[in-house]
Protein backbone atom coordinates (compact mmCIF):
# COMPACT_ATOMS: atom_id res chain seq x y z
CA MET A 1 -3.12 -7.91 3.58
CA ALA A 2 -5.39 -4.89 3.46
CA SER A 3 -4.72 -1.17 3.50
CA ALA A 4 -6.64 2.09 3.36
CA GLY A 5 -5.09 5.40 4.23
CA GLY A 6 -3.48 4.83 7.61
CA LEU A 7 -5.18 1.46 8.20
CA THR A 8 -3.13 -1.67 7.59
CA ALA A 9 -4.28 -5.10 8.68
CA SER A 10 -1.88 -8.03 8.43
CA VAL A 11 -2.58 -11.73 8.77
CA GLN A 12 -0.22 -14.67 9.21
CA PHE A 13 -0.51 -18.40 8.84
CA VAL A 14 1.00 -21.10 11.03
CA GLY A 15 2.78 -24.24 9.82
CA GLY A 16 4.73 -22.80 6.89
CA GLU A 17 8.02 -24.47 7.84
CA LEU A 18 6.48 -27.95 8.16
CA ALA A 19 4.62 -27.53 4.88
CA SER A 20 7.81 -26.36 3.16
CA ARG A 21 9.67 -29.50 4.34
CA GLN A 22 6.85 -31.80 3.20
CA LEU A 23 6.83 -30.24 -0.27
CA ALA A 24 10.64 -30.27 -0.50
CA GLU A 25 10.59 -34.04 0.12
CA GLN A 26 8.50 -34.36 -3.04
CA GLY A 27 10.71 -31.93 -4.97
CA LYS A 28 8.12 -29.13 -4.91
CA LYS A 29 8.20 -25.55 -3.65
CA ILE A 30 5.87 -23.87 -1.19
CA ASP A 31 5.78 -20.49 -2.98
CA PRO A 32 3.06 -21.35 -5.56
CA VAL A 33 0.84 -22.81 -2.83
CA LEU A 34 1.35 -19.76 -0.64
CA ARG A 35 0.73 -17.28 -3.49
CA GLY A 36 -2.46 -19.08 -4.50
CA SER A 37 -3.69 -19.10 -0.90
CA LEU A 38 -2.97 -15.40 -0.43
CA ASN A 39 -4.62 -14.41 -3.72
CA SER A 40 -7.79 -16.43 -3.21
CA THR A 41 -8.03 -15.18 0.40
CA ALA A 42 -7.82 -11.54 -0.71
CA THR A 43 -10.47 -12.06 -3.41
CA LYS A 44 -12.81 -13.96 -1.05
CA THR A 45 -12.29 -11.37 1.71
CA ARG A 46 -13.20 -8.52 -0.64
CA THR A 47 -16.42 -10.32 -1.58
CA GLU A 48 -17.48 -11.66 1.83
CA ARG A 49 -16.37 -8.87 4.17
CA TYR A 50 -16.78 -5.75 2.00
CA ILE A 51 -18.87 -6.26 -1.16
CA ASN A 52 -21.68 -8.35 0.39
CA PRO A 53 -22.27 -6.09 3.46
CA MET A 54 -22.42 -3.07 1.10
CA ARG A 55 -24.66 -4.81 -1.47
CA GLY A 56 -27.74 -2.86 -0.41
CA ALA A 57 -25.91 0.49 -0.52
CA ILE A 58 -23.74 0.38 -3.67
CA LYS A 59 -23.90 -1.85 -6.71
CA PRO A 60 -21.30 -4.66 -6.36
CA VAL A 61 -19.75 -3.97 -9.77
CA ARG A 62 -19.09 -0.33 -8.77
CA LEU A 63 -17.62 -1.32 -5.39
CA ARG A 64 -15.40 -4.03 -6.94
CA ALA A 65 -13.96 -1.40 -9.27
CA ALA A 66 -13.27 0.85 -6.26
CA MET A 67 -11.59 -1.95 -4.25
CA LYS A 68 -8.71 -3.39 -6.24
CA VAL A 69 -6.99 -6.63 -5.28
CA LYS A 70 -3.22 -6.43 -5.74
CA ARG A 71 -2.18 -10.07 -6.11
CA ALA A 72 0.93 -11.86 -4.89
CA ASN A 73 3.36 -12.82 -7.65
CA THR A 74 6.93 -14.07 -8.07
CA ARG A 75 8.35 -10.67 -7.02
CA ARG A 76 5.98 -9.85 -4.15
CA MET A 77 4.75 -12.40 -1.60
CA ASN A 78 1.72 -10.52 -0.33
CA SER A 79 -1.78 -9.87 -1.55
CA ARG A 80 -3.65 -6.65 -0.72
CA ILE A 81 -7.05 -5.06 -1.02
CA ILE A 82 -6.60 -1.41 -1.97
CA PRO A 83 -9.77 0.72 -1.68
CA SER A 84 -10.02 3.97 -3.60
CA SER A 85 -10.12 7.17 -1.55
CA SER A 86 -12.05 9.01 -4.29
CA GLY A 87 -15.66 9.73 -3.49
CA ILE A 88 -18.40 7.68 -5.15
CA THR A 89 -20.97 9.67 -7.12
CA LEU A 90 -24.17 9.91 -5.11
CA LEU A 91 -26.23 8.54 -8.00
CA ASN A 92 -24.21 5.27 -7.77
CA TYR A 93 -25.66 4.65 -4.30
CA ASN A 94 -28.82 2.54 -4.22
CA THR A 95 -30.37 4.61 -1.43
CA TRP A 96 -29.76 8.30 -1.06
CA GLY A 97 -31.95 11.15 -0.04
CA TYR A 98 -32.10 14.61 1.48
CA ASP A 99 -33.42 16.50 4.48
CA ALA A 100 -34.82 19.92 3.60
CA ILE A 101 -33.21 22.91 5.29
CA ASP A 102 -35.37 25.53 3.52
CA ALA A 103 -37.28 25.82 0.24
CA THR A 104 -34.17 25.77 -1.96
CA ARG A 105 -31.54 23.87 0.07
CA ALA A 106 -31.38 20.39 1.49
CA ARG A 107 -28.72 18.24 3.16
CA LEU A 108 -27.78 15.05 1.29
CA TRP A 109 -27.30 11.60 2.82
CA VAL A 110 -26.57 8.04 1.72
CA ARG A 111 -27.47 4.77 3.40
CA GLY A 112 -24.64 2.39 4.30
CA PRO A 113 -24.47 -0.85 6.30
CA ALA A 114 -24.61 1.05 9.62
CA GLY A 115 -27.30 3.58 8.68
CA ARG A 116 -27.17 7.07 7.19
CA LYS A 117 -24.04 9.04 6.38
CA ILE A 118 -24.10 12.75 5.42
CA ALA A 119 -22.78 13.36 1.89
CA ALA A 120 -21.01 16.44 0.59
CA GLY A 121 -23.21 18.64 -1.57
CA PHE A 122 -26.74 19.98 -1.73
CA ILE A 123 -30.02 19.59 -3.56
CA ASN A 124 -32.74 22.09 -4.42
CA PRO A 125 -36.00 20.45 -3.25
CA SER A 126 -38.00 22.99 -5.29
CA SER A 127 -36.33 22.17 -8.63
CA ALA A 128 -37.92 19.94 -11.22
CA GLN A 129 -34.93 17.59 -11.62
CA ARG A 130 -33.79 17.40 -7.97
CA LEU A 131 -30.23 16.40 -8.80
CA PRO A 132 -27.59 16.25 -6.05
CA TRP A 133 -24.93 18.89 -6.78
CA ASP A 134 -21.44 19.26 -5.40
CA THR A 135 -20.90 22.45 -3.41
CA ARG A 136 -19.15 25.06 -5.54
CA SER A 137 -15.47 25.59 -5.09
CA LYS A 138 -14.04 28.98 -4.12
CA ARG A 139 -12.78 29.46 -7.69
CA ALA A 140 -16.24 28.82 -9.17
CA ARG A 141 -17.78 31.44 -6.86
CA GLN A 142 -15.31 34.04 -8.10
CA THR A 143 -16.58 33.72 -11.68
CA PRO A 144 -20.40 33.52 -11.49
CA ALA A 145 -20.78 33.28 -15.28
CA MET A 146 -18.71 30.07 -15.29
CA ALA A 147 -20.20 28.59 -12.11
CA TRP A 148 -22.77 26.38 -13.87
CA ALA A 149 -20.26 25.28 -16.50
CA HIS A 150 -18.15 23.73 -13.70
CA ARG A 151 -21.11 22.18 -11.87
CA ARG A 152 -20.52 18.57 -10.79
CA LEU A 153 -22.74 15.92 -9.25
CA ALA A 154 -22.35 15.37 -5.50
CA MET A 155 -20.08 12.66 -4.15
CA GLY A 156 -20.82 10.23 -1.35
CA PRO A 157 -18.31 8.54 0.95
CA SER A 158 -15.43 6.69 -0.72
CA ALA A 159 -14.74 2.96 -0.77
CA ALA A 160 -11.86 3.64 1.67
CA TYR A 161 -14.37 5.12 4.16
CA TRP A 162 -16.55 2.00 4.06
CA PHE A 163 -13.45 -0.23 4.12
CA LYS A 164 -12.29 1.36 7.38
CA ASN A 165 -15.76 1.02 8.91
CA LEU A 166 -16.07 -2.66 7.99
CA THR A 167 -12.55 -3.67 9.05
CA GLY A 168 -12.39 -4.80 12.65
CA THR A 169 -11.23 -7.66 14.83
CA GLN A 170 -13.97 -9.96 13.47
CA THR A 171 -12.79 -9.32 9.92
CA ILE A 172 -9.16 -10.00 10.86
CA ARG A 173 -10.13 -13.26 12.59
CA TRP A 174 -12.24 -14.29 9.60
CA VAL A 175 -9.35 -13.62 7.19
CA ASN A 176 -6.87 -15.55 9.37
CA THR A 177 -9.21 -18.54 9.56
CA TYR A 178 -9.94 -18.50 5.84
CA LEU A 179 -6.24 -18.21 4.96
CA GLN A 180 -5.37 -21.20 7.19
CA GLN A 181 -8.13 -23.32 5.63
CA GLU A 182 -7.26 -22.29 2.08
CA PHE A 183 -3.57 -23.03 2.65
CA ALA A 184 -4.36 -26.47 4.16
CA ARG A 185 -6.67 -27.28 1.23
CA ARG A 186 -4.04 -26.31 -1.34
CA MET A 187 -1.35 -28.24 0.56
CA ARG A 188 -3.44 -31.42 0.57
CA LYS A 189 -4.02 -31.04 -3.15
CA GLU A 190 -0.31 -30.44 -3.83
CA LEU A 191 0.81 -33.41 -1.71
CA ARG A 192 -1.58 -35.82 -3.47
């Protein structure tokens, strides 16, 4: 149902055989009901268990783009939430800041649902703009004249990082319950 890096969480529903027999008696198939239930469960799970808890940290439109829903179809009977493992630009976070180390360097952080998380990069607290910059790569340090041409804004934790932090036993139970209810609702509608 959901996957990020090494994390895979699967859910199952009960009563599929009985439902299949009931639909077969009416000359209907269970597959469309099952696909619809899986797809709406994945979409609702992304919103309720991932987007809403992160609403104060990252704009929902940005997080939705970073957490794709791969829907069930006629060839594949599963629906998945696939979070991006690419970092999210620090400026896309609603709350970010820095802790000064000295006059020209500071450590960056972002605020997530469980508090602060250190971000990769640095900021110059003495500069006029105070933009969060990515730390220079080894290659950029070798060519000082080109270092500023390759300068990039700092990145915060990825959607996959937050996905792993928000996925737990409560989320799995919630998804199982929602899937059962959605399947029962669609079955009642199909049998009418």
